[in-house]
Structure formats: structure tokens, C-alpha cells
Protein backbone atom coordinates (compact mmCIF):
# COMPACT_ATOMS: atom_id res chain seq x y z
CA UNK A 1 -12.77 -1.82 -29.73
CA UNK A 2 -9.15 -3.66 -29.89
CA UNK A 3 -7.62 -4.95 -26.90
CA UNK A 4 -3.77 -5.18 -26.62
CA UNK A 5 -2.96 -6.97 -23.59
CA UNK A 6 0.33 -7.99 -21.81
CA UNK A 7 2.11 -9.42 -18.78
CA UNK A 8 5.25 -10.10 -17.14
CA UNK A 9 7.37 -7.37 -18.59
CA UNK A 10 9.18 -6.36 -14.93
CA UNK A 11 11.77 -7.82 -12.92
CA UNK A 12 12.13 -8.00 -8.92
CA UNK A 13 15.68 -7.24 -9.31
CA UNK A 14 15.91 -5.34 -12.09
CA UNK A 15 13.00 -2.86 -11.71
CA UNK A 16 10.60 -1.93 -15.07
CA UNK A 17 6.80 -2.23 -14.48
CA UNK A 18 4.18 -3.72 -16.42
CA UNK A 19 2.06 -0.83 -15.67
CA UNK A 20 5.10 1.12 -17.52
CA UNK A 21 4.97 -0.86 -20.94
CA UNK A 22 1.22 -0.28 -21.08
CA UNK A 23 1.70 3.41 -20.53
CA UNK A 24 4.07 3.36 -23.33
CA UNK A 25 1.62 1.23 -25.56
CA UNK A 26 -0.95 3.64 -24.83
CA UNK A 27 1.29 6.41 -25.56
CA UNK A 28 2.40 5.35 -28.96
CA UNK A 29 -0.97 4.49 -30.33
CA UNK A 30 -2.03 7.90 -29.37
CA UNK A 31 0.98 9.32 -31.24
CA UNK A 32 -0.16 7.28 -34.26
CA UNK A 33 -3.96 8.96 -34.03
CA UNK A 34 -5.46 5.94 -32.16
CA UNK A 35 -8.12 6.58 -29.38
CA UNK A 36 -7.25 4.94 -26.14
CA UNK A 37 -10.57 4.24 -24.18
CA UNK A 38 -9.12 2.85 -21.10
CA UNK A 39 -6.27 1.01 -19.54
CA UNK A 40 -6.70 -1.95 -17.45
CA UNK A 41 -4.63 -3.00 -14.42
CA UNK A 42 -5.58 -6.45 -13.71
CA UNK A 43 -4.29 -8.12 -10.50
CA UNK A 44 -4.07 -11.72 -10.86
CA UNK A 45 -3.79 -14.49 -8.04
CA UNK A 46 -1.57 -12.93 -5.57
CA UNK A 47 -0.26 -16.51 -4.51
CA UNK A 48 1.48 -17.93 -7.50
CA UNK A 49 5.19 -18.43 -6.79
CA UNK A 50 6.29 -17.44 -10.21
CA UNK A 51 4.61 -13.90 -10.32
CA UNK A 52 7.40 -11.23 -10.62
CA UNK A 53 6.02 -8.54 -8.02
CA UNK A 54 2.34 -7.52 -8.00
CA UNK A 55 1.10 -9.64 -10.38
CA UNK A 56 -0.63 -7.21 -12.98
CA UNK A 57 -1.40 -7.87 -16.27
CA UNK A 58 -2.52 -4.76 -18.19
CA UNK A 59 -4.94 -4.29 -21.20
CA UNK A 60 -5.40 -1.44 -23.68
CA UNK A 61 -8.88 -0.73 -25.15
CA UNK A 62 -8.15 1.25 -28.47
CA UNK A 63 -9.83 1.86 -31.70
CA UNK A 64 -6.49 1.18 -33.48
CA UNK A 65 -6.21 -1.59 -35.84
CA UNK A 66 -5.42 -5.15 -34.35
CA UNK A 67 -2.26 -5.32 -36.68
CA UNK A 68 -1.17 -2.08 -35.41
CA UNK A 69 -1.84 -2.74 -31.88
CA UNK A 70 0.11 -5.85 -32.11
CA UNK A 71 3.10 -4.26 -33.80
CA UNK A 72 3.35 -1.59 -31.00
CA UNK A 73 3.12 -4.01 -27.88
CA UNK A 74 5.95 -6.02 -29.67
CA UNK A 75 7.84 -2.90 -30.03
CA UNK A 76 7.65 -1.86 -26.52
CA UNK A 77 8.25 -5.55 -25.13
CA UNK A 78 11.35 -5.78 -27.16
CA UNK A 79 12.39 -2.37 -25.90
CA UNK A 80 11.15 -2.48 -22.21
CA UNK A 81 10.85 -5.79 -20.97
CA UNK A 82 13.45 -7.15 -18.44
CA UNK A 83 13.99 -10.48 -19.97
CA UNK A 84 17.64 -10.61 -19.10
CA UNK A 85 16.12 -11.76 -15.64
CA UNK A 86 15.06 -15.64 -15.68
CA UNK A 87 11.91 -14.79 -14.03
CA UNK A 88 10.68 -12.42 -16.61
CA UNK A 89 8.63 -14.26 -19.46
CA UNK A 90 6.44 -11.68 -21.73
CA UNK A 91 3.58 -12.45 -23.34
CA UNK A 92 1.00 -10.19 -25.45
CA UNK A 93 -2.41 -11.11 -26.46
CA UNK A 94 -4.29 -8.67 -29.22
CA UNK A 95 -8.24 -9.46 -29.42
CA UNK A 96 -10.77 -7.58 -32.06
CA UNK A 97 -13.13 -6.97 -29.59
CA UNK A 98 -13.77 -6.02 -25.96
CA UNK A 99 -16.60 -8.12 -25.10
CA UNK A 100 -15.01 -11.14 -24.74
CA UNK A 101 -16.77 -14.74 -25.19
CA UNK A 102 -17.68 -16.80 -22.18
CA UNK A 103 -14.47 -18.93 -22.47
CA UNK A 104 -12.22 -16.22 -22.29
CA UNK A 105 -14.13 -14.37 -19.30
CA UNK A 106 -14.07 -17.63 -17.29
CA UNK A 107 -10.31 -17.88 -17.81
CA UNK A 108 -9.90 -14.22 -16.48
CA UNK A 109 -12.01 -15.56 -13.29
CA UNK A 110 -9.73 -18.63 -12.89
CA UNK A 111 -6.54 -16.53 -13.50
CA UNK A 112 -7.61 -14.41 -10.25
CA UNK A 113 -8.32 -18.02 -8.16
CA UNK A 114 -5.97 -20.56 -9.90
CA UNK A 115 -2.76 -21.74 -11.32
CA UNK A 116 -3.15 -21.99 -15.20
CA UNK A 117 -0.94 -23.41 -17.85
CA UNK A 118 0.79 -21.24 -20.75
CA UNK A 119 0.39 -23.89 -23.22
CA UNK A 120 -3.63 -23.69 -22.49
CA UNK A 121 -3.63 -19.98 -22.73
CA UNK A 122 -2.24 -20.09 -26.24
CA UNK A 123 -4.50 -22.60 -27.44
CA UNK A 124 -7.20 -20.73 -26.17
CA UNK A 125 -6.30 -17.55 -27.69
CA UNK A 126 -5.73 -19.32 -30.96
CA UNK A 127 -9.11 -20.84 -30.51
CA UNK A 128 -10.65 -17.60 -30.75
CA UNK A 129 -8.58 -16.01 -33.45
CA UNK A 130 -6.27 -13.82 -31.13
CA UNK A 131 -2.94 -12.92 -32.27
CA UNK A 132 -0.11 -13.89 -29.44
CA UNK A 133 3.48 -13.01 -29.29
CA UNK A 134 5.89 -14.26 -26.36
CA UNK A 135 9.38 -14.04 -25.09
CA UNK A 136 11.54 -16.56 -23.33
CA UNK A 137 8.93 -19.41 -22.09
CA UNK A 138 6.01 -16.88 -22.60
CA UNK A 139 4.11 -17.35 -19.25
CA UNK A 140 3.01 -13.81 -19.53
CA UNK A 141 0.63 -14.77 -22.28
CA UNK A 142 -1.68 -16.32 -19.27
CA UNK A 143 -1.81 -13.13 -17.79
CA UNK A 144 -2.16 -11.14 -21.28
CA UNK A 145 -5.26 -13.51 -22.01
CA UNK A 146 -6.75 -12.89 -18.53
CA UNK A 147 -6.59 -9.38 -19.22
CA UNK A 148 -8.23 -9.63 -22.31
CA UNK A 149 -11.36 -11.23 -20.56
CA UNK A 150 -11.48 -9.19 -17.48
CA UNK A 151 -13.50 -6.22 -18.47
CA UNK A 152 -16.47 -9.08 -19.30
CA UNK A 153 -15.52 -11.36 -16.18
CA UNK A 154 -15.37 -8.55 -13.48
CA UNK A 155 -17.92 -5.80 -12.61
CA UNK A 156 -16.43 -4.10 -9.43
CA UNK A 157 -13.61 -1.75 -11.01
CA UNK A 158 -11.81 1.25 -9.14
CA UNK A 159 -8.97 3.49 -10.34
CA UNK A 160 -5.22 4.08 -10.18
CA UNK A 161 -3.46 7.14 -11.41
CA UNK A 162 0.05 6.30 -11.46
CA UNK A 163 2.65 9.31 -11.80
CA UNK A 164 5.98 8.00 -13.53
CA UNK A 165 9.78 9.21 -12.92
CA UNK A 166 12.17 10.27 -15.53
CA UNK A 167 14.10 7.20 -16.81
CA UNK A 168 17.49 8.89 -15.67
CA UNK A 169 16.18 9.08 -12.14
CA UNK A 170 15.10 4.92 -11.96
CA UNK A 171 16.97 3.31 -9.08
CA UNK A 172 17.39 6.70 -6.93
CA UNK A 173 15.86 7.38 -4.28
CA UNK A 174 12.38 9.48 -4.58
CA UNK A 175 11.90 12.79 -3.67
CA UNK A 176 8.40 13.27 -2.72
CA UNK A 177 7.01 15.38 0.25
CA UNK A 178 5.41 13.58 2.78
CA UNK A 179 3.27 16.43 4.32
CA UNK A 180 1.67 17.01 1.00
CA UNK A 181 0.69 13.36 0.57
CA UNK A 182 -0.85 13.18 3.74
CA UNK A 183 -2.71 16.14 3.42
CA UNK A 184 -3.93 15.01 -0.03
CA UNK A 185 -4.87 11.78 1.52
CA UNK A 186 -6.81 13.19 4.27
CA UNK A 187 -8.89 15.23 2.18
CA UNK A 188 -9.82 12.78 -0.25
CA UNK A 189 -10.20 9.66 2.57
CA UNK A 190 -12.53 7.56 2.08
CA UNK A 191 -12.89 7.72 -1.81
CA UNK A 192 -9.16 7.68 -2.20
CA UNK A 193 -7.59 4.99 0.32
CA UNK A 194 -4.24 3.02 0.94
CA UNK A 195 -2.47 6.33 0.09
CA UNK A 196 -0.76 6.51 3.53
CA UNK A 197 -0.60 4.15 6.65
CA UNK A 198 -1.59 7.04 8.90
CA UNK A 199 -0.68 5.29 12.72
CA UNK A 200 2.30 3.97 11.07
CA UNK A 201 3.29 7.36 9.47
CA UNK A 202 4.00 5.52 6.08
CA UNK A 203 3.49 6.81 2.51
CA UNK A 204 1.72 3.53 1.09
CA UNK A 205 1.38 4.90 -2.34
CA UNK A 206 5.26 5.44 -2.88
CA UNK A 207 7.18 2.38 -3.70
CA UNK A 208 10.60 1.41 -2.58
CA UNK A 209 11.56 -0.61 -5.77
CA UNK A 210 14.14 0.43 -8.43
CA UNK A 211 11.50 0.92 -11.34
CA UNK A 212 9.50 3.39 -12.79
CA UNK A 213 6.78 4.27 -10.31
CA UNK A 214 6.83 7.57 -8.50
CA UNK A 215 3.66 6.97 -6.88
CA UNK A 216 0.28 5.37 -7.41
CA UNK A 217 -2.93 6.59 -6.16
CA UNK A 218 -6.17 4.41 -5.58
CA UNK A 219 -9.61 4.99 -5.08
CA UNK A 220 -13.29 5.10 -6.18
CA UNK A 221 -13.44 7.46 -8.96
CA UNK A 222 -11.10 8.71 -11.46
CA UNK A 223 -11.51 12.61 -10.29
CA UNK A 224 -10.42 11.71 -6.90
CA UNK A 225 -7.22 9.83 -7.54
CA UNK A 226 -6.50 12.63 -10.34
CA UNK A 227 -7.05 15.49 -7.53
CA UNK A 228 -4.95 13.69 -5.04
CA UNK A 229 -2.00 12.93 -7.31
CA UNK A 230 -2.12 16.50 -8.76
CA UNK A 231 -1.94 17.85 -5.11
CA UNK A 232 1.31 15.88 -4.38
CA UNK A 233 4.89 17.79 -4.36
CA UNK A 234 7.59 15.93 -5.65
CA UNK A 235 10.52 15.31 -7.99
CA UNK A 236 9.45 16.13 -11.53
CA UNK A 237 6.66 13.81 -13.18
CA UNK A 238 7.77 12.34 -16.23
CA UNK A 239 4.64 10.94 -17.45
CA UNK A 240 1.14 9.76 -16.12
CA UNK A 241 -1.69 7.12 -16.74
CA UNK A 242 -5.15 6.41 -15.36
CA UNK A 243 -5.71 2.84 -14.79
CA UNK A 244 -9.13 1.14 -14.30
CA UNK A 245 -8.33 -1.46 -11.91
CA UNK A 246 -9.71 -4.48 -10.01
CA UNK A 247 -7.55 -3.31 -7.13
CA UNK A 248 -9.41 -3.16 -3.63
CA UNK A 249 -12.15 -5.78 -4.71
CA UNK A 250 -11.36 -9.12 -3.35
CA UNK A 251 -11.70 -10.63 -6.87
CA UNK A 252 -9.14 -13.39 -5.70
CA UNK A 253 -11.27 -14.86 -2.97
CA UNK A 254 -13.59 -17.74 -3.52
CA UNK A 255 -16.32 -19.06 -0.94
CA UNK A 256 -15.10 -22.58 0.28
CA UNK A 257 -15.38 -24.97 3.26
CA UNK A 258 -12.35 -25.34 4.98
CA UNK A 259 -11.92 -29.00 3.98
CA UNK A 260 -11.49 -27.79 0.48
CA UNK A 261 -8.92 -25.18 0.90
CA UNK A 262 -5.55 -25.78 -1.48
CA UNK A 263 -2.26 -23.94 -1.34
CA UNK A 264 -1.96 -21.20 -4.01
CA UNK A 265 -5.37 -20.05 -3.84
CA UNK A 266 -7.23 -17.59 -1.58
CA UNK A 267 -10.62 -18.31 0.16
CA UNK A 268 -13.22 -16.78 2.18
CA UNK A 269 -14.06 -19.58 4.99
CA UNK A 270 -16.43 -19.58 8.11
CA UNK A 271 -14.51 -21.40 11.04
CA UNK A 272 -14.58 -21.64 14.79
CA UNK A 273 -11.03 -20.58 16.84
CA UNK A 274 -9.83 -24.25 17.98
CA UNK A 275 -6.80 -22.98 20.40
CA UNK A 276 -5.34 -19.97 21.96
CA UNK A 277 -3.26 -17.79 19.64
CA UNK A 278 0.67 -18.14 19.63
CA UNK A 279 3.11 -15.57 19.13
CA UNK A 280 6.25 -17.22 17.27
CA UNK A 281 9.88 -16.00 16.47
CA UNK A 282 9.89 -13.00 14.57
CA UNK A 283 6.67 -11.84 15.85
CA UNK A 284 4.15 -13.93 13.66
CA UNK A 285 1.41 -14.74 15.07
CA UNK A 286 -0.55 -18.17 14.46
CA UNK A 287 -4.00 -19.41 15.69
CA UNK A 288 -6.00 -22.45 14.50
CA UNK A 289 -9.52 -22.46 13.39
CA UNK A 290 -11.65 -25.64 12.73
CA UNK A 291 -14.66 -26.37 10.99
CA UNK A 292 -16.50 -29.92 9.91
CA UNK A 293 -13.56 -31.77 11.70
CA UNK A 294 -10.85 -29.89 9.62
CA UNK A 295 -8.41 -27.85 11.25
CA UNK A 296 -6.08 -25.13 9.59
CA UNK A 297 -3.62 -22.64 11.07
CA UNK A 298 -4.14 -19.02 10.16
CA UNK A 299 -1.17 -16.50 10.46
CA UNK A 300 -0.84 -12.74 11.00
CA UNK A 301 3.02 -12.39 9.88
CA UNK A 302 5.10 -9.26 11.41
CA UNK A 303 4.43 -6.95 8.66
CA UNK A 304 0.75 -6.70 9.48
CA UNK A 305 1.85 -4.86 12.73
CA UNK A 306 -1.04 -4.11 14.89
CA UNK A 307 -3.46 -6.34 13.19
CA UNK A 308 -1.63 -9.00 15.18
CA UNK A 309 -3.17 -7.82 18.17
CA UNK A 310 -6.87 -8.43 16.65
CA UNK A 311 -5.54 -11.63 16.39
CA UNK A 312 -4.03 -12.42 19.78
CA UNK A 313 -7.41 -11.34 21.10
CA UNK A 314 -9.16 -14.11 19.97
CA UNK A 315 -10.45 -17.12 22.04
CA UNK A 316 -11.28 -20.89 21.41
CA UNK A 317 -14.88 -20.82 20.44
CA UNK A 318 -15.15 -17.73 18.51
CA UNK A 319 -16.75 -18.05 15.49
CA UNK A 320 -15.16 -15.95 12.18
CA UNK A 321 -15.08 -15.84 8.60
CA UNK A 322 -11.50 -15.81 7.73
CA UNK A 323 -9.89 -14.81 4.54
CA UNK A 324 -6.62 -15.32 2.90
CA UNK A 325 -4.29 -16.93 0.89
CA UNK A 326 -3.37 -20.87 1.71
CA UNK A 327 0.40 -21.61 1.47
CA UNK A 328 1.94 -24.58 2.82
CA UNK A 329 -1.31 -25.57 4.54
CA UNK A 330 -1.60 -22.00 6.40
CA UNK A 331 -4.22 -19.68 5.57
CA UNK A 332 -2.26 -15.71 5.47
CA UNK A 333 -4.80 -13.63 6.80
CA UNK A 334 -5.98 -10.43 5.11
CA UNK A 335 -9.16 -9.58 7.33
CA UNK A 336 -11.54 -11.64 9.45
CA UNK A 337 -15.01 -11.15 10.68
CA UNK A 338 -15.95 -12.09 14.23
CA UNK A 339 -19.36 -13.54 13.80
CA UNK A 340 -19.90 -14.54 17.54
CA UNK A 341 -17.38 -14.25 20.71
CA UNK A 342 -17.09 -16.44 23.53
CA UNK A 343 -17.72 -14.16 26.66
CA UNK A 344 -17.31 -16.92 29.20
CA UNK A 345 -14.84 -18.81 30.84
CA UNK A 346 -14.39 -21.92 33.10
CA UNK A 347 -13.16 -21.16 36.38
CA UNK A 348 -12.77 -22.66 39.77
CA UNK A 349 -15.55 -21.51 41.87
CA UNK A 350 -15.43 -18.78 44.69
CA UNK A 351 -16.71 -19.80 48.34
CA UNK A 352 -19.85 -17.65 48.65
CA UNK A 353 -19.25 -17.21 52.28
CA UNK A 354 -15.47 -15.87 52.27
CA UNK A 355 -14.83 -15.12 49.11
CA UNK A 356 -12.10 -17.34 48.83
CA UNK A 357 -10.81 -19.67 45.69
CA UNK A 358 -12.00 -23.12 46.45
CA UNK A 359 -10.07 -26.11 46.05
CA UNK A 360 -10.30 -29.43 44.33
CA UNK A 361 -12.10 -31.88 46.83
CA UNK A 362 -10.67 -34.90 44.82
CA UNK A 363 -11.38 -36.56 41.54
CA UNK A 364 -14.61 -36.44 40.57
CA UNK A 365 -15.77 -34.70 43.86
CA UNK A 366 -16.28 -31.24 43.13
CA UNK A 367 -14.48 -28.27 44.93
CA UNK A 368 -14.55 -27.40 48.81
CA UNK A 369 -13.55 -24.23 50.60
CA UNK A 370 -10.57 -25.00 52.87
CA UNK A 371 -11.61 -22.55 55.64
CA UNK A 372 -15.68 -22.49 55.64
CA UNK A 373 -16.04 -26.24 54.72
CA UNK A 374 -18.55 -25.21 51.30
CA UNK A 375 -18.79 -26.98 48.68
CA UNK A 376 -19.41 -26.88 44.73
CA UNK A 377 -20.23 -29.67 42.45
CA UNK A 378 -17.69 -28.60 39.85
CA UNK A 379 -16.26 -25.63 37.54
CA UNK A 380 -18.38 -22.29 37.07
CA UNK A 381 -18.65 -19.98 34.15
CA UNK A 382 -17.90 -16.41 34.44
CA UNK A 383 -18.18 -13.72 32.05
CA UNK A 384 -14.89 -12.18 30.17
CA UNK A 385 -14.38 -8.87 28.98
CA UNK A 386 -13.41 -8.94 25.39
CA UNK A 387 -11.20 -6.48 23.50
CA UNK A 388 -12.85 -7.33 20.31
CA UNK A 389 -16.50 -6.46 18.80
CA UNK A 390 -18.46 -8.31 16.05
CA UNK A 391 -17.45 -7.19 12.68
CA UNK A 392 -14.69 -7.27 10.06
CA UNK A 393 -11.25 -6.31 11.05
CA UNK A 394 -8.31 -5.67 8.48
CA UNK A 395 -4.75 -5.53 8.06
CA UNK A 396 -3.29 -2.08 7.88
CA UNK A 397 -2.62 -0.47 4.68
CA UNK A 398 1.07 -0.78 4.79
CA UNK A 399 0.16 -4.49 4.70
CA UNK A 400 -2.65 -5.01 2.45
CA UNK A 401 -2.39 -7.06 -1.03
CA UNK A 402 -3.19 -4.77 -4.03
CA UNK A 403 -6.44 -6.82 -4.85
CA UNK A 404 -7.83 -7.03 -1.26
CA UNK A 405 -10.71 -4.97 -0.57
CA UNK A 406 -10.67 -2.15 2.33
CA UNK A 407 -13.33 -2.09 4.75
CA UNK A 408 -13.95 1.66 4.12
CA UNK A 409 -15.26 0.46 0.59
CA UNK A 410 -18.42 -0.83 1.71
CA UNK A 411 -20.80 -3.31 1.12
CA UNK A 412 -19.98 -5.59 4.08
CA UNK A 413 -22.46 -8.09 5.89
CA UNK A 414 -21.50 -6.86 9.72
CA UNK A 415 -20.22 -3.72 11.05
CA UNK A 416 -16.54 -2.83 10.25
CA UNK A 417 -13.27 -1.68 11.86
CA UNK A 418 -11.45 -0.22 9.25
CA UNK A 419 -7.55 0.67 9.29
CA UNK A 420 -6.41 3.97 8.28
């Protein structure tokens, strides 16, 4: 089984989409009589600063001869890639087998969690006899090689059905009937997820960029995402492709201690809330956490909307597991689990005779009721009603990263409080 992999053909400003380039590769291989067994959509490290948009690499698994696969991929990239954008640096890797050797699978794992060098990627590909092609500085070879190794490296896969617009419609307003999307999403939930954001009333599956995608439906099985896509009323669909993908899997997160977190990577870390949450200018909410004597700020940014209320409800002493990408020393929250709640607060004692709040009797002299003369040795603890419960909380669908796992997918170690 030949693997034809490519990356970095799109542009933030000019549009295009590497999924569409992969669709074109698959389509042209089919036209030449080849069988395409699957098309992988592999999200890589979301924290790299040089990504174009969603940092996706693609791999077409086909019975075509490797030389044919390379020729078709080079043809598609030359025709479709937005290489006039200096941030777009396509790369292609063609491997003669889908079962990647250990070094290639390990490279794929690292590409989800680290920053990798294009030169190292080319050298590794050459060492295993893979054909490569590159344009501009060739950074896309990193993603392409990772896409080659992904099928072996990862076990958790989901699906996305993407419907594409006619090329003459690119850059114009999309015509998608919202009612039909919400109806299809409700009928398929939870097997299909992140199609809409019900509380915000938004169509999450419909992008706002000028590229070729009309909508993309994500879910746990191929039949469900296909049924949802087919139930949507919209402008004419030009083409469709079903992708097997690592979206919604949390493949980017690594377990770590707080002392070991670094910028440009994403983590799952146990820590304790170390201060009161604060809302900063712009509506961003920050809360400090600590573990092992190390303190880090966690952030829920304004686009996470109602998730910020969950963060505002935290109190010093709450025990958490926090998940997210680290940048500039701040952990950008994608989800968190409450492991233990601080359900008491220290308050001035109340007089048992008259019910009035006592006053300080002086330094290290406890408290005294002015009217009754009763005393208390110090502050007392009082139970606090908490808005939060133990379990997992997540950002809403409108703010979720492609690779982040929705709570509704299951497999968690505590109760879940999913967003719809």
C-alpha cells in the first residue's frame, strides 16, 4: 500500500486547503484506475508559530505505484498550492508501505508534541528510501513525513466528511441553511460532534475562510458523518471526501509535571489553584496554579465565552488536572478536571449570643463581641456553596481545537460536564 503524503499547501490570506489538495490527489489517482483505501487527515502540533491555519497534514493510502503517486502529488501541488504566500512551503513524501517503521512512527508522535526540523525530516525520509519533493523552504516535508507515520503511531481515529465548493464560489459568502444543519446535528449527536454550538447558535462546521470548504462534519464513524453531510441544505456541492483523522483525540497532549512544561507544546498537568481568578482587559480570565513549588498562569481567553465562568468559579485550594497549550509561559486552557474542591473559607467568628460579627481584640488576641463581651481564639471555617462539581469541564464547540477531544467522546476518569 503506497502512501502519498503532503503538507503546507494552504494560506491564511489566500485560502486554499491542504485537505482539498489531498482530495485532488485521491481523485486523480482514482481517475487513473488506482484504488484509494483511505485518506488520512492528521492534525499536528497546534502550538507551532509557523503553521498556516489548522496545521493539518494529509496522507493518501493507495495501491498506485509510488512513482505514479509522486507524479500526481507534484502535479497537484504545482497547480494548487499557494506558494506566493511566504508562509506556504509545501512538501511531499511518498512511502511504499503503510506500515511505517518505528523511527517514522516515533517522528509522527513527536510532530504532535514538539517542533521538528525540515532537514531532519528529509534525512529520515531518505534513510528509509522514501521519495520527497519540496517547494520554497520545504517545511511541509515535516508534516508529510509525520502523515506517513501516523497510521502506525496512533490508535484512536475519528472521521470527517468534507464537502467542497465549486471553485468559482471560493471567496464568496457560503449559502448553508442553518436550520437543516441544526436538525441534522441534533439527530446525530453524540456520534457526530462539534457540528454546531447550540448555546451560541453558531454553525461550527461552516468555516469563515476564503478557501474551498463548504462544511466539514466530524464524528466517531463514517456512516454518521456522511448522513449528516447529506442532510444539509446548501449551495451546490462540488466534491466530497471522507477523511480518517486524529481530530478529537487529544493526541497532542503529553503527561507532565508543572516544572517541565515548555512553550510550544501542549500538556495534561495536575496542579492546585494558587490564587483568585482575575478577568483582564478584553475579557480574558487568568488563574494561577502551582505544583511542586512551581507556579504557572492558566488562561481562558475571550473566545471561549461561557467556559470562562467555569474558570471564574475556581478558588484557591481547588485541585485540578489542566490541559492545554503553553505559550509565553501561560497554559491556554482547553479543558480541566476538578479533582477536589475547597469547600470552606476562613471568616471572622460570629457571636453565639447575639449573632453579630466579632471584632479583632488586638494582635494575637483573638476576637471579641463589642456588645456581649464573648471571645473567640481566632478565625473560623465556614462551608461555601460551590457552583462547580467534581469532573471535567471543556471549552464550547466554537472554541475547540481540531485535535482536542470533546468530553462526549467518553473514556474519561471522572464525571463529565460536556458543552454542546
